[in-house]
Amino acid sequence: QNVPNSDWEKKVTEYFKEKLKENNAANWVPSLNDVPVHYLKPNSLVKFRCMVQDMFDPEFYMGVYETVDPNTNARVLHFGKYRDVAECGVSYTSYMNFEMTQKNFNSSQTVTLERQTFYCVPVPGESAWVKEISFLTELVLFVLNPKFYAYISASQARVSPSTSYTPSRHKRSYEEDEDMDLHPSKQKEQHMGNSGGGDIHGCVEPKRLETEASAGHHLISPNCSPPLDLNFPLPGEKGPACLVKVYESWDSFKVNDVLEVYGILSVDPVLSIVNNEERESSVLDPMECMDTAEEQRVHSPPASLVPRIHVILAQKLQHINPLLPACLNEEESKTFVSNFMSELSPVRAELLGFLTHALLGDSLAAEYLILHLISTVYARRDVLPLGKFTVNLSGCPRNSIFTEHIYRIIQQLVPASYRLPVTIENMNRSRFIPHKDYTANRLVSGVLQLASNTSLVVDETQLEQGQLDATGRH
């Protein structure tokens, strides 16, 4: 409906940017940090708070392409932005009818565009209170607006939970989905049946399904490929990894940046089918695809395990504290700061007393710890980080209980942190810094690939006698 050079892409971005400013609309958008991906509606607007772990090579896509109806020979233009799979009509796709639509790729109407793909993971070491406050904020909004809550429940009930990485799976067919649309009562019955009747909002069932999915993910069949390494920097991290596809201003982002993205969720199962076919065909004909099988596996994981987000809006986060304004430099944030300036002195005194007690009566160590917590690297000169204020607490009791106690206190004070026990085993086996895997063409993460302002607690009280191998000495 738009004439050429109408800048409709900018209109889309401006539309969502304005809408998200109205009535806390940003909090209404479902978040991948809080909701399992199999309970989100495909092709809907979602948000994701994440860190850029790796940047893949740019990819080309059909921004505009032409299809032909085989019955009427009518030519139709489609746009490929915010999509992974090209649609070629009501009942068929370009992948399913490649021979029929191949000739249309040479149409003069076809426009090839470029987009950048980021591999993003949840913010490493994000504190539990940050996640809880973010989740409770959305929950309160749902409770305050029952009508919207009912809409979200109905939208998510229509999507059957994905169990694509469990040993046995049962998916509804397309006809059954249509039947659900025509008969909402069936939809409700099935949704209530799936919840087992134990919880009216289905909160028990999602947790069980998520547990089963994560457990099934680690099951390896003799005929299956090994489980995909999601490349989280820290061991034991949970949450979805996503392929975030950026269409504009991607040069302003870099690895380790913390982003909040709003975009279109893509979990089309066709992606997994196409990628498997490409891997099989590349084995038969090496000239057909220049990428290695390992690179294809890493860069095109199953959408059920690593969903795609096509970005409409993306912004760098100065911090991830949900209790603070997003940008502390704006005028409205000055009012927020002025409201508690008079309380800073007694709060600091209380914090100093608390930390003094935790540090076994050492008030000087508590002073230094406060200075460390409020310090930040504000600039870099060559290899010198300006503003870094590292504290080394010596004379601590040589047991893990004390250091774990101190770390738990720090966890309650900062939005992101990590405790690194310095042991013989960790030094010999752990990956500390990221390194490039040229076979898979990806950045293999390490425990020191952390977002800015992450508090790193290095526990040296666990040093003991032992043998360091070559990795440990390095």
Protein backbone atom coordinates (compact mmCIF):
# COMPACT_ATOMS: atom_id res chain seq x y z
CA GLN A 1 0.00 0.00 0.00
CA ASN A 2 3.06 2.26 0.09
CA VAL A 3 4.61 3.88 -2.92
CA PRO A 4 8.38 3.51 -3.33
CA ASN A 5 10.56 5.70 -1.12
CA SER A 6 7.73 6.33 1.35
CA ASP A 7 9.92 5.54 4.39
CA TRP A 8 7.33 3.15 5.78
CA GLU A 9 10.03 1.47 7.90
CA LYS A 10 10.59 4.71 9.80
CA LYS A 11 6.85 5.06 10.29
CA VAL A 12 6.74 1.62 11.91
CA THR A 13 9.60 2.47 14.27
CA GLU A 14 8.11 5.84 15.21
CA TYR A 15 4.69 4.27 15.78
CA PHE A 16 5.96 1.73 18.29
CA LYS A 17 8.28 4.24 19.93
CA GLU A 18 5.34 6.54 20.66
CA LYS A 19 3.02 3.75 21.75
CA LEU A 20 5.55 2.37 24.24
CA LYS A 21 5.65 5.75 26.00
CA GLU A 22 1.93 5.68 26.81
CA ASN A 23 0.56 4.42 30.15
CA ASN A 24 3.51 2.17 31.04
CA ALA A 25 2.93 0.33 27.79
CA ALA A 26 6.47 -1.08 27.89
CA ASN A 27 5.48 -3.13 30.95
CA TRP A 28 2.56 -4.68 29.07
CA VAL A 29 4.83 -6.29 26.48
CA PRO A 30 5.55 -9.93 27.44
CA SER A 31 9.19 -10.51 28.34
CA LEU A 32 11.27 -13.53 27.39
CA ASN A 33 13.07 -13.06 30.70
CA ASP A 34 9.90 -13.94 32.60
CA VAL A 35 7.70 -16.04 30.31
CA PRO A 36 8.82 -19.36 28.76
CA VAL A 37 9.01 -19.07 25.00
CA HIS A 38 6.47 -21.85 24.45
CA TYR A 39 3.83 -19.69 26.18
CA LEU A 40 4.35 -16.70 23.92
CA LYS A 41 2.41 -16.22 20.72
CA PRO A 42 4.54 -16.46 17.56
CA ASN A 43 4.81 -13.31 15.44
CA SER A 44 3.77 -11.15 18.40
CA LEU A 45 5.56 -8.23 20.03
CA VAL A 46 7.93 -9.27 22.84
CA LYS A 47 10.82 -7.74 24.74
CA PHE A 48 14.10 -9.16 25.97
CA ARG A 49 16.70 -7.81 28.42
CA CYS A 50 19.99 -9.30 27.35
CA MET A 51 23.73 -9.01 26.78
CA VAL A 52 25.32 -9.25 23.34
CA GLN A 53 27.51 -12.35 23.65
CA ASP A 54 28.53 -12.60 19.99
CA MET A 55 27.98 -10.94 16.64
CA PHE A 56 27.47 -13.10 13.58
CA ASP A 57 28.12 -12.12 9.99
CA PRO A 58 25.50 -9.93 8.31
CA GLU A 59 22.84 -11.81 6.39
CA PHE A 60 20.91 -10.91 3.27
CA TYR A 61 17.15 -11.27 3.02
CA MET A 62 14.44 -10.45 0.51
CA GLY A 63 13.14 -7.06 1.60
CA VAL A 64 10.56 -7.12 -1.21
CA TYR A 65 9.71 -10.12 -3.34
CA GLU A 66 7.07 -11.10 -5.86
CA THR A 67 4.91 -14.22 -5.98
CA VAL A 68 2.55 -15.57 -8.59
CA ASP A 69 -0.71 -17.35 -7.91
CA PRO A 70 -0.55 -20.57 -10.01
CA ASN A 71 -4.30 -20.47 -10.64
CA THR A 72 -4.85 -16.86 -11.63
CA ASN A 73 -1.28 -15.76 -12.49
CA ALA A 74 -1.87 -12.75 -10.26
CA ARG A 75 1.34 -11.14 -9.09
CA VAL A 76 1.58 -10.04 -5.46
CA LEU A 77 4.34 -8.13 -3.69
CA HIS A 78 5.39 -9.14 -0.18
CA PHE A 79 7.85 -7.64 2.27
CA GLY A 80 10.38 -9.78 4.09
CA LYS A 81 11.27 -7.51 6.97
CA TYR A 82 10.67 -8.91 10.47
CA ARG A 83 10.35 -12.42 8.99
CA ASP A 84 12.51 -15.51 8.75
CA VAL A 85 10.41 -17.44 6.25
CA ALA A 86 9.11 -15.99 3.00
CA GLU A 87 5.36 -16.37 2.58
CA CYS A 88 4.03 -17.10 -0.88
CA GLY A 89 0.31 -17.25 -0.38
CA VAL A 90 -2.38 -18.70 1.79
CA SER A 91 -1.52 -22.36 1.59
CA TYR A 92 2.09 -22.64 0.50
CA THR A 93 5.54 -21.20 1.15
CA SER A 94 8.53 -20.59 -1.04
CA TYR A 95 10.39 -23.48 0.60
CA MET A 96 7.60 -25.94 -0.10
CA ASN A 97 7.15 -24.83 -3.72
CA PHE A 98 10.63 -23.74 -4.63
CA GLU A 99 10.42 -24.75 -8.29
CA MET A 100 7.21 -22.80 -8.81
CA THR A 101 8.47 -19.58 -7.19
CA GLN A 102 12.06 -19.71 -8.29
CA LYS A 103 11.45 -17.74 -11.45
CA ASN A 104 9.96 -14.89 -9.42
CA PHE A 105 13.25 -14.29 -7.60
CA ASN A 106 14.49 -12.66 -10.81
CA SER A 107 11.63 -10.19 -10.82
CA SER A 108 12.54 -6.53 -11.17
CA GLN A 109 10.44 -5.91 -8.06
CA THR A 110 12.74 -7.98 -5.84
CA VAL A 111 14.81 -5.95 -3.37
CA THR A 112 17.63 -7.57 -1.40
CA LEU A 113 18.45 -5.99 1.96
CA GLU A 114 20.87 -6.65 4.80
CA ARG A 115 20.47 -7.20 8.52
CA GLN A 116 22.83 -7.96 11.40
CA THR A 117 22.43 -10.91 13.76
CA PHE A 118 23.46 -10.75 17.42
CA TYR A 119 23.66 -13.80 19.65
CA CYS A 120 22.22 -12.57 22.94
CA VAL A 121 21.99 -14.20 26.37
CA PRO A 122 20.35 -13.07 29.63
CA VAL A 123 22.51 -10.65 31.60
CA PRO A 124 25.15 -12.87 33.28
CA GLY A 125 24.97 -12.93 37.07
CA GLU A 126 21.74 -10.94 37.24
CA SER A 127 20.59 -10.81 40.86
CA ALA A 128 17.45 -12.62 41.89
CA TRP A 129 15.80 -9.43 43.21
CA VAL A 130 16.14 -7.79 39.80
CA LYS A 131 14.30 -10.65 38.14
CA GLU A 132 11.64 -10.76 40.86
CA ILE A 133 10.90 -7.03 40.71
CA SER A 134 10.68 -7.10 36.91
CA PHE A 135 8.29 -10.05 37.06
CA LEU A 136 6.17 -8.54 39.85
CA THR A 137 5.84 -5.26 37.94
CA GLU A 138 4.21 -7.07 35.03
CA LEU A 139 2.12 -9.20 37.38
CA VAL A 140 0.72 -6.13 39.16
CA LEU A 141 -0.23 -4.58 35.81
CA PHE A 142 -2.03 -7.78 34.85
CA VAL A 143 -3.95 -7.75 38.14
CA LEU A 144 -4.86 -4.08 37.73
CA ASN A 145 -6.32 -4.73 34.29
CA PRO A 146 -8.34 -7.99 34.31
CA LYS A 147 -9.56 -7.37 30.77
CA PHE A 148 -6.04 -7.26 29.42
CA TYR A 149 -5.09 -10.27 31.54
CA ALA A 150 -7.97 -12.20 29.99
CA TYR A 151 -6.78 -11.18 26.53
CA ILE A 152 -3.23 -12.34 27.24
CA SER A 153 -4.51 -15.60 28.72
CA ALA A 154 -6.65 -16.26 25.65
CA SER A 155 -3.81 -15.39 23.29
CA GLN A 156 -1.37 -17.67 25.07
CA ALA A 157 -3.92 -20.45 25.51
CA ARG A 158 -4.25 -20.67 21.75
CA VAL A 159 -0.59 -21.59 21.45
CA SER A 160 0.08 -25.13 22.55
CA PRO A 161 3.28 -25.36 24.63
CA SER A 162 6.24 -26.46 22.59
CA THR A 163 7.77 -29.75 23.70
CA SER A 164 10.00 -30.05 20.68
CA TYR A 165 12.97 -31.11 22.72
CA THR A 166 11.28 -33.78 24.79
CA PRO A 167 11.46 -37.46 23.74
CA SER A 168 7.76 -37.69 22.89
CA ARG A 169 5.81 -34.79 21.47
CA HIS A 170 2.21 -34.34 20.44
CA LYS A 171 1.38 -31.25 18.37
CA ARG A 172 -2.01 -30.17 17.16
CA SER A 173 -2.47 -30.05 13.45
CA TYR A 174 -3.36 -26.90 11.52
CA GLU A 175 -6.94 -28.14 11.19
CA GLU A 176 -7.21 -28.55 14.96
CA ASP A 177 -5.99 -24.99 15.43
CA GLU A 178 -8.67 -23.76 13.06
CA ASP A 179 -11.22 -25.80 14.96
CA MET A 180 -10.11 -24.12 18.18
CA ASP A 181 -10.69 -20.72 16.58
CA LEU A 182 -14.20 -21.68 15.56
CA HIS A 183 -15.04 -23.30 18.91
CA PRO A 184 -13.54 -21.29 21.79
CA SER A 185 -15.13 -23.63 24.32
CA LYS A 186 -12.90 -26.45 23.09
CA GLN A 187 -9.94 -24.16 23.43
CA LYS A 188 -10.88 -23.38 27.03
CA GLU A 189 -11.49 -27.04 27.85
CA GLN A 190 -8.17 -28.06 26.40
CA HIS A 191 -6.35 -25.26 28.20
CA MET A 192 -7.96 -26.16 31.53
CA GLY A 193 -7.27 -29.81 30.86
CA ASN A 194 -3.63 -29.14 30.23
CA SER A 195 -3.36 -27.24 33.49
CA GLY A 196 -4.46 -30.36 35.33
CA GLY A 197 -7.02 -28.43 37.34
CA GLY A 198 -4.40 -27.71 39.97
CA ASP A 199 -4.12 -24.00 39.29
CA ILE A 200 -6.71 -21.72 37.77
CA HIS A 201 -4.14 -19.69 35.85
CA GLY A 202 -2.08 -22.67 34.73
CA CYS A 203 0.98 -21.66 36.76
CA VAL A 204 1.83 -25.21 37.79
CA GLU A 205 1.78 -26.70 34.31
CA PRO A 206 4.21 -24.22 32.68
CA LYS A 207 6.77 -24.93 35.40
CA ARG A 208 6.42 -28.67 34.91
CA LEU A 209 6.66 -28.39 31.14
CA GLU A 210 9.69 -26.15 31.42
CA THR A 211 11.37 -28.65 33.74
CA GLU A 212 10.58 -31.52 31.41
CA ALA A 213 11.86 -29.58 28.44
CA SER A 214 15.13 -28.71 30.13
CA ALA A 215 15.54 -32.30 31.28
CA GLY A 216 14.70 -33.68 27.86
CA HIS A 217 17.15 -31.29 26.24
CA HIS A 218 20.05 -33.15 27.86
CA LEU A 219 18.92 -36.57 26.71
CA ILE A 220 21.15 -37.79 23.93
CA SER A 221 19.99 -40.49 21.59
CA PRO A 222 22.56 -42.53 19.65
CA ASN A 223 21.06 -41.18 16.41
CA CYS A 224 20.91 -37.54 17.57
CA SER A 225 23.52 -34.83 17.50
CA PRO A 226 24.94 -33.71 20.86
CA PRO A 227 22.97 -31.04 22.74
CA LEU A 228 23.57 -27.47 21.63
CA ASP A 229 25.89 -25.40 23.80
CA LEU A 230 24.02 -22.16 24.47
CA ASN A 231 27.35 -20.48 25.24
CA PHE A 232 26.34 -18.82 28.51
CA PRO A 233 29.33 -17.04 30.09
CA LEU A 234 28.56 -18.31 33.60
CA PRO A 235 27.88 -21.93 34.57
CA GLY A 236 24.38 -22.73 35.76
CA GLU A 237 22.77 -19.78 34.01
CA LYS A 238 19.14 -20.18 32.97
CA GLY A 239 16.95 -18.38 30.53
CA PRO A 240 16.62 -18.29 26.76
CA ALA A 241 19.37 -17.41 24.34
CA CYS A 242 18.09 -15.52 21.31
CA LEU A 243 19.20 -14.59 17.83
CA VAL A 244 18.45 -10.87 17.73
CA LYS A 245 18.18 -9.54 14.19
CA VAL A 246 18.83 -5.80 13.89
CA TYR A 247 17.82 -3.81 10.83
CA GLU A 248 19.31 -0.39 11.49
CA SER A 249 22.07 1.34 13.50
CA TRP A 250 23.71 -1.97 14.38
CA ASP A 251 27.13 -0.28 14.29
CA SER A 252 26.24 1.46 17.55
CA PHE A 253 26.18 -1.86 19.43
CA LYS A 254 29.14 -3.97 20.44
CA VAL A 255 29.87 -7.23 22.26
CA ASN A 256 29.04 -7.17 26.01
CA ASP A 257 26.54 -4.32 25.63
CA VAL A 258 23.37 -4.75 27.68
CA LEU A 259 20.28 -4.16 25.56
CA GLU A 260 16.54 -4.06 25.90
CA VAL A 261 15.00 -5.00 22.60
CA TYR A 262 11.40 -4.90 21.42
CA GLY A 263 10.63 -6.96 18.40
CA ILE A 264 8.71 -9.70 16.64
CA LEU A 265 9.09 -13.22 18.04
CA SER A 266 9.90 -15.84 15.42
CA VAL A 267 9.78 -19.52 16.36
CA ASP A 268 8.73 -20.96 13.02
CA PRO A 269 9.42 -24.73 13.00
CA VAL A 270 10.17 -24.44 9.27
CA LEU A 271 13.51 -22.93 10.29
CA SER A 272 14.65 -26.19 11.84
CA ILE A 273 13.46 -28.20 8.84
CA VAL A 274 15.20 -25.94 6.33
CA ASN A 275 18.41 -25.88 8.34
CA ASN A 276 18.47 -29.67 8.60
CA GLU A 277 17.90 -29.98 4.87
CA GLU A 278 20.71 -27.51 4.22
CA ARG A 279 23.09 -29.46 6.42
CA GLU A 280 22.21 -32.71 4.70
CA SER A 281 22.53 -31.20 1.23
CA SER A 282 25.84 -29.57 2.10
CA VAL A 283 27.22 -33.00 2.95
CA LEU A 284 26.21 -34.29 -0.44
CA ASP A 285 27.42 -31.25 -2.34
CA PRO A 286 30.18 -29.30 -0.54
CA MET A 287 30.09 -26.57 -3.19
CA GLU A 288 26.45 -25.79 -2.43
CA CYS A 289 27.26 -24.18 0.92
CA MET A 290 30.55 -22.64 1.97
CA ASP A 291 29.74 -22.84 5.70
CA THR A 292 30.95 -25.82 7.69
CA ALA A 293 28.41 -28.17 9.27
CA GLU A 294 29.46 -26.96 12.73
CA GLU A 295 29.01 -23.33 11.72
CA GLN A 296 25.54 -24.03 10.35
CA ARG A 297 24.62 -25.87 13.55
CA VAL A 298 25.75 -22.98 15.76
CA HIS A 299 24.40 -20.14 13.64
CA SER A 300 21.05 -21.79 12.84
CA PRO A 301 19.92 -23.59 16.01
CA PRO A 302 16.36 -24.91 16.38
CA ALA A 303 13.92 -22.04 16.88
CA SER A 304 12.28 -23.87 19.79
CA LEU A 305 15.58 -23.75 21.67
CA VAL A 306 16.96 -20.41 20.44
CA PRO A 307 14.09 -18.17 19.27
CA ARG A 308 14.59 -15.26 16.90
CA ILE A 309 13.64 -11.67 17.64
CA HIS A 310 13.31 -9.22 14.75
CA VAL A 311 14.08 -5.88 16.35
CA ILE A 312 11.76 -2.91 15.97
CA LEU A 313 13.32 -0.91 18.80
CA ALA A 314 16.56 -1.49 20.69
CA GLN A 315 18.28 0.59 23.31
CA LYS A 316 21.43 0.28 25.37
CA LEU A 317 20.80 0.07 29.08
CA GLN A 318 22.92 2.19 31.40
CA HIS A 319 21.96 -0.19 34.18
CA ILE A 320 19.54 -3.03 34.90
CA ASN A 321 18.22 -1.80 38.26
CA PRO A 322 14.41 -1.83 37.92
CA LEU A 323 14.07 0.61 40.84
CA LEU A 324 15.88 3.42 39.00
CA PRO A 325 14.90 5.52 35.95
CA ALA A 326 16.21 4.07 32.71
CA CYS A 327 18.32 7.16 32.02
CA LEU A 328 19.72 9.12 34.95
CA ASN A 329 20.78 12.04 32.73
CA GLU A 330 17.29 13.14 31.74
CA GLU A 331 15.39 15.97 33.41
CA GLU A 332 12.68 13.78 34.90
CA SER A 333 15.28 11.70 36.73
CA LYS A 334 16.45 14.78 38.67
CA THR A 335 13.14 14.82 40.51
CA PHE A 336 13.60 11.14 41.35
CA VAL A 337 17.06 11.82 42.80
CA SER A 338 15.98 14.90 44.76
CA ASN A 339 13.31 12.86 46.56
CA PHE A 340 15.82 10.80 48.51
CA MET A 341 18.81 13.15 48.82
CA SER A 342 17.85 14.01 52.42
CA GLU A 343 17.82 10.29 53.32
CA LEU A 344 21.27 9.44 51.95
CA SER A 345 23.22 10.26 55.10
CA PRO A 346 21.27 8.01 57.52
CA VAL A 347 21.05 5.23 54.91
CA ARG A 348 24.82 5.32 54.39
CA ALA A 349 25.40 5.20 58.15
CA GLU A 350 23.12 2.19 58.44
CA LEU A 351 24.83 0.44 55.53
CA LEU A 352 28.26 1.17 57.04
CA GLY A 353 27.21 -0.34 60.35
CA PHE A 354 25.78 -3.40 58.63
CA LEU A 355 28.92 -4.00 56.56
CA THR A 356 31.14 -3.40 59.59
CA HIS A 357 29.28 -6.16 61.42
CA ALA A 358 29.55 -8.47 58.39
CA LEU A 359 33.31 -7.80 58.15
CA LEU A 360 33.86 -8.81 61.78
CA GLY A 361 34.03 -5.26 63.16
CA ASP A 362 36.42 -3.77 60.58
CA SER A 363 34.87 -0.35 59.86
CA LEU A 364 37.75 0.71 57.59
CA ALA A 365 37.20 -2.35 55.37
CA ALA A 366 33.48 -1.49 55.28
CA GLU A 367 34.32 2.07 54.13
CA TYR A 368 36.51 0.73 51.34
CA LEU A 369 33.83 -1.76 50.31
CA ILE A 370 31.24 1.03 49.97
CA LEU A 371 33.66 3.05 47.84
CA HIS A 372 34.23 -0.02 45.69
CA LEU A 373 30.50 -0.60 45.20
CA ILE A 374 29.84 2.99 44.06
CA SER A 375 32.88 3.18 41.78
CA THR A 376 32.59 2.69 38.03
CA VAL A 377 34.87 2.76 35.01
CA TYR A 378 33.98 6.03 33.29
CA ALA A 379 36.65 5.99 30.56
CA ARG A 380 39.57 3.98 29.20
CA ARG A 381 43.01 5.23 28.19
CA ASP A 382 44.71 2.50 26.18
CA VAL A 383 44.69 -0.44 28.62
CA LEU A 384 44.09 1.71 31.72
CA PRO A 385 40.47 1.73 32.99
CA LEU A 386 39.81 5.06 34.70
CA GLY A 387 37.53 4.82 37.71
CA LYS A 388 38.27 1.22 38.60
CA PHE A 389 38.57 0.81 42.38
CA THR A 390 39.47 -2.74 43.31
CA VAL A 391 39.43 -3.86 46.93
CA ASN A 392 41.43 -6.75 48.34
CA LEU A 393 40.14 -7.94 51.71
CA SER A 394 42.88 -9.89 53.49
CA GLY A 395 42.96 -11.67 56.82
CA CYS A 396 39.62 -13.36 56.18
CA PRO A 397 38.72 -16.66 57.85
CA ARG A 398 39.87 -19.43 55.53
CA ASN A 399 36.54 -21.11 55.01
CA SER A 400 33.94 -20.86 52.32
CA ILE A 401 31.16 -19.98 54.75
CA PHE A 402 32.49 -16.48 55.45
CA THR A 403 33.20 -15.59 51.81
CA GLU A 404 29.85 -16.99 50.73
CA HIS A 405 28.20 -14.86 53.43
CA ILE A 406 29.94 -11.71 52.16
CA TYR A 407 28.99 -12.54 48.58
CA ARG A 408 25.31 -12.99 49.48
CA ILE A 409 25.35 -9.53 51.05
CA ILE A 410 26.85 -8.03 47.89
CA GLN A 411 24.21 -9.84 45.80
CA GLN A 412 21.50 -7.94 47.69
CA LEU A 413 23.17 -4.59 46.96
CA VAL A 414 24.07 -4.83 43.26
CA PRO A 415 22.03 -5.78 40.18
CA ALA A 416 24.64 -8.23 38.80
CA SER A 417 27.52 -10.12 40.40
CA TYR A 418 29.52 -13.33 40.23
CA ARG A 419 31.63 -15.21 42.76
CA LEU A 420 34.70 -16.86 41.24
CA PRO A 421 36.25 -19.48 43.55
CA VAL A 422 39.97 -19.73 42.80
CA THR A 423 40.58 -23.47 43.06
CA ILE A 424 42.96 -25.83 41.31
CA GLU A 425 40.08 -27.41 39.41
CA ASN A 426 38.67 -24.07 38.24
CA MET A 427 42.04 -22.84 37.03
CA ASN A 428 42.70 -26.06 35.14
CA ARG A 429 39.26 -26.53 33.60
CA SER A 430 37.36 -23.23 33.47
CA ARG A 431 37.38 -20.87 30.51
CA PHE A 432 38.21 -17.42 31.84
CA ILE A 433 38.37 -15.23 28.74
CA PRO A 434 36.44 -15.63 25.47
CA HIS A 435 38.24 -17.02 22.44
CA LYS A 436 37.36 -17.32 18.78
CA ASP A 437 36.34 -20.73 17.44
CA TYR A 438 37.19 -20.42 13.78
CA THR A 439 35.64 -23.78 12.89
CA ALA A 440 32.19 -22.77 14.16
CA ASN A 441 32.86 -19.06 13.48
CA ARG A 442 31.71 -17.95 16.91
CA LEU A 443 33.04 -16.41 20.10
CA VAL A 444 33.27 -19.11 22.77
CA SER A 445 32.39 -17.41 26.03
CA GLY A 446 34.26 -17.42 29.36
CA VAL A 447 33.40 -16.55 32.95
CA LEU A 448 35.01 -13.11 32.60
CA GLN A 449 32.78 -12.11 29.68
CA LEU A 450 30.53 -10.02 31.89
CA ALA A 451 28.45 -6.92 31.37
CA SER A 452 29.62 -3.51 32.54
CA ASN A 453 29.25 -2.80 36.28
CA THR A 454 29.09 -6.48 37.22
CA SER A 455 30.62 -7.03 40.67
CA LEU A 456 33.21 -9.79 40.49
CA VAL A 457 34.11 -11.41 43.82
CA VAL A 458 37.31 -13.44 43.48
CA ASP A 459 37.48 -15.90 46.38
CA GLU A 460 41.15 -16.75 47.01
CA THR A 461 40.50 -18.36 50.41
CA GLN A 462 39.95 -21.67 48.61
CA LEU A 463 43.51 -21.84 47.23
CA GLU A 464 45.15 -25.14 48.12
CA GLN A 465 48.14 -27.23 47.20
CA GLY A 466 47.90 -29.09 43.91
CA GLN A 467 49.19 -29.44 40.39
CA LEU A 468 48.43 -26.83 37.73
CA ASP A 469 48.42 -28.07 34.16
CA ALA A 470 49.28 -25.93 31.12
CA THR A 471 45.84 -24.28 31.09
CA GLY A 472 46.00 -23.50 34.80
CA ARG A 473 49.47 -21.97 34.54
CA HIS A 474 48.37 -19.82 31.61
